[in-house]
Amino acid sequence: MRKGLKDTGVLQLLKARPDTLDVLFPRASTKFIQPQMILDKIIWPSPDSDDDDSLDLESSCRLTGFIRQYIENGNGESLTELIKFWVGWPILPQYLNLEVTHAVTMPTALTCSEVLKIPSKYRDYDAFKSDLDAAVSSTKYGFGLI
């Protein structure tokens, strides 16, 4: 392996630029998740739902805009933590389900069905972000150990 790294010039690159090590040999724990990777997998709430719990179009758009903004402003580490909260592990599934509802008071994840429930109470992004950050940080401690 050393000979191959030397023959390709990779070994010289690593000696000259040690900061490229993580780029060339990423670890599973530091896998970089980009915002678009998450956004492409989300199944967004449908405004024409017949549920009694359905929101008006304006509220639904505001809250889905908040989650979009949260994801777009996230870095690799924070997005990995979001995915870990949403589905139970730091690997993107085929689909991510998003639900905006009156039924919860804090962002809640149903990891088995890969559903993130967002409360309908938020009127401003800062309150939404604060609560979602608190919920996402619970993955560091496990269920119910905050």
Protein backbone atom coordinates (compact mmCIF):
# COMPACT_ATOMS: atom_id res chain seq x y z
CA MET A 1 0.00 0.00 0.00
CA ARG A 2 2.87 2.35 0.84
CA LYS A 3 4.45 1.72 -2.57
CA GLY A 4 1.14 2.46 -4.29
CA LEU A 5 0.73 5.70 -2.33
CA LYS A 6 4.29 6.69 -3.20
CA ASP A 7 3.99 5.79 -6.91
CA THR A 8 0.76 7.80 -7.32
CA GLY A 9 2.12 10.85 -5.51
CA VAL A 10 -0.46 10.58 -2.74
CA LEU A 11 2.18 10.01 -0.06
CA GLN A 12 3.99 13.23 -1.02
CA LEU A 13 0.68 15.10 -0.96
CA LEU A 14 -0.09 13.78 2.53
CA LYS A 15 3.35 14.79 3.78
CA ALA A 16 3.05 18.28 2.29
CA ARG A 17 -0.61 18.80 3.17
CA PRO A 18 -1.68 16.67 6.18
CA ASP A 19 -5.06 18.45 6.17
CA THR A 20 -6.00 16.44 3.05
CA LEU A 21 -5.96 13.16 4.99
CA ASP A 22 -9.66 13.42 5.96
CA VAL A 23 -10.62 14.25 2.38
CA LEU A 24 -8.73 11.32 0.87
CA PHE A 25 -9.61 8.82 3.60
CA PRO A 26 -12.91 9.83 5.21
CA ARG A 27 -14.02 7.92 8.24
CA ALA A 28 -17.63 6.75 8.51
CA SER A 29 -18.08 8.85 11.64
CA THR A 30 -17.01 12.02 9.85
CA LYS A 31 -18.83 11.40 6.56
CA PHE A 32 -19.82 14.73 5.12
CA ILE A 33 -23.55 15.11 4.57
CA GLN A 34 -24.50 18.03 2.36
CA PRO A 35 -27.80 19.92 2.69
CA GLN A 36 -29.00 18.95 -0.78
CA MET A 37 -28.53 15.26 0.05
CA ILE A 38 -31.13 15.63 2.81
CA LEU A 39 -33.48 17.94 0.93
CA ASP A 40 -33.65 15.51 -1.99
CA LYS A 41 -34.88 12.71 0.30
CA ILE A 42 -37.59 14.59 2.19
CA ILE A 43 -41.21 13.77 1.50
CA TRP A 44 -42.77 17.15 2.20
CA PRO A 45 -46.21 17.53 3.82
CA SER A 46 -49.07 17.67 1.38
CA PRO A 47 -51.30 20.78 1.71
CA ASP A 48 -54.37 18.95 0.42
CA SER A 49 -54.52 16.43 3.26
CA ASP A 50 -57.95 15.45 4.58
CA ASP A 51 -56.68 15.09 8.17
CA ASP A 52 -58.41 16.99 10.95
CA ASP A 53 -54.91 17.97 12.09
CA SER A 54 -53.96 19.60 8.77
CA LEU A 55 -52.65 23.16 8.72
CA ASP A 56 -53.50 26.03 6.47
CA LEU A 57 -51.20 26.49 3.49
CA GLU A 58 -49.47 29.59 4.93
CA SER A 59 -48.51 27.86 8.19
CA SER A 60 -47.36 24.72 6.41
CA CYS A 61 -45.19 26.74 4.01
CA ARG A 62 -43.68 28.79 6.87
CA LEU A 63 -42.74 25.71 8.88
CA THR A 64 -41.38 23.72 5.95
CA GLY A 65 -39.39 26.83 5.06
CA PHE A 66 -37.93 26.81 8.58
CA ILE A 67 -36.76 23.20 8.25
CA ARG A 68 -35.34 23.95 4.79
CA GLN A 69 -33.45 26.95 6.20
CA TYR A 70 -32.18 24.86 9.13
CA ILE A 71 -30.83 22.22 6.75
CA GLU A 72 -29.35 24.70 4.27
CA ASN A 73 -27.50 26.53 7.07
CA GLY A 74 -26.20 23.34 8.69
CA ASN A 75 -22.66 22.00 8.47
CA GLY A 76 -21.65 18.36 8.03
CA GLU A 77 -21.58 17.63 11.75
CA SER A 78 -24.91 19.28 12.58
CA LEU A 79 -26.62 17.62 9.61
CA THR A 80 -25.28 14.24 10.67
CA GLU A 81 -26.73 14.83 14.13
CA LEU A 82 -30.07 15.84 12.57
CA ILE A 83 -30.18 12.62 10.55
CA LYS A 84 -29.23 10.63 13.65
CA PHE A 85 -32.13 12.25 15.52
CA TRP A 86 -34.55 11.78 12.60
CA VAL A 87 -33.87 8.11 11.78
CA GLY A 88 -31.80 6.74 14.68
CA TRP A 89 -28.43 6.42 12.93
CA PRO A 90 -26.16 8.78 10.94
CA ILE A 91 -26.86 7.22 7.54
CA LEU A 92 -29.36 8.70 5.10
CA PRO A 93 -32.28 6.38 4.32
CA GLN A 94 -34.09 6.26 0.99
CA TYR A 95 -36.75 8.71 2.19
CA LEU A 96 -37.25 11.14 5.08
CA ASN A 97 -40.82 11.94 6.04
CA LEU A 98 -41.71 15.36 7.41
CA GLU A 99 -44.95 16.16 9.21
CA VAL A 100 -46.15 19.51 10.51
CA THR A 101 -48.72 19.00 13.24
CA HIS A 102 -50.61 20.43 16.20
CA ALA A 103 -50.16 17.11 18.04
CA VAL A 104 -46.61 17.73 19.38
CA THR A 105 -45.09 20.60 21.34
CA MET A 106 -41.42 19.93 20.50
CA PRO A 107 -39.77 18.50 17.39
CA THR A 108 -40.23 14.75 17.66
CA ALA A 109 -38.72 11.90 15.67
CA LEU A 110 -40.36 8.58 15.00
CA THR A 111 -37.19 6.73 14.05
CA CYS A 112 -38.83 3.45 13.04
CA SER A 113 -40.95 5.14 10.37
CA GLU A 114 -38.36 7.88 9.69
CA VAL A 115 -40.81 10.69 10.43
CA LEU A 116 -39.86 14.08 11.85
CA LYS A 117 -42.84 15.82 13.44
CA ILE A 118 -42.57 19.60 13.64
CA PRO A 119 -44.97 21.50 15.93
CA SER A 120 -47.16 24.08 14.26
CA LYS A 121 -46.61 26.66 17.02
CA TYR A 122 -43.55 28.43 15.56
CA ARG A 123 -43.94 31.96 14.22
CA ASP A 124 -40.24 32.84 13.97
CA TYR A 125 -37.17 30.91 12.88
CA ASP A 126 -35.10 31.55 16.02
CA ALA A 127 -37.58 29.78 18.31
CA PHE A 128 -37.86 26.91 15.84
CA LYS A 129 -34.07 26.56 15.57
CA SER A 130 -33.60 26.68 19.33
CA ASP A 131 -36.11 23.87 19.92
CA LEU A 132 -34.83 21.74 17.05
CA ASP A 133 -31.24 22.16 18.28
CA ALA A 134 -32.34 21.02 21.75
CA ALA A 135 -34.15 18.00 20.32
CA VAL A 136 -31.26 17.04 18.04
CA SER A 137 -28.76 17.30 20.89
CA SER A 138 -30.68 14.55 22.72
CA THR A 139 -29.00 11.98 20.43
CA LYS A 140 -25.78 12.47 22.41
CA TYR A 141 -27.45 11.15 25.56
CA GLY A 142 -30.08 8.69 24.34
CA PHE A 143 -33.82 8.57 24.71
CA GLY A 144 -35.13 10.28 27.83
CA LEU A 145 -31.73 11.03 29.34
CA ILE A 146 -31.65 14.80 28.90
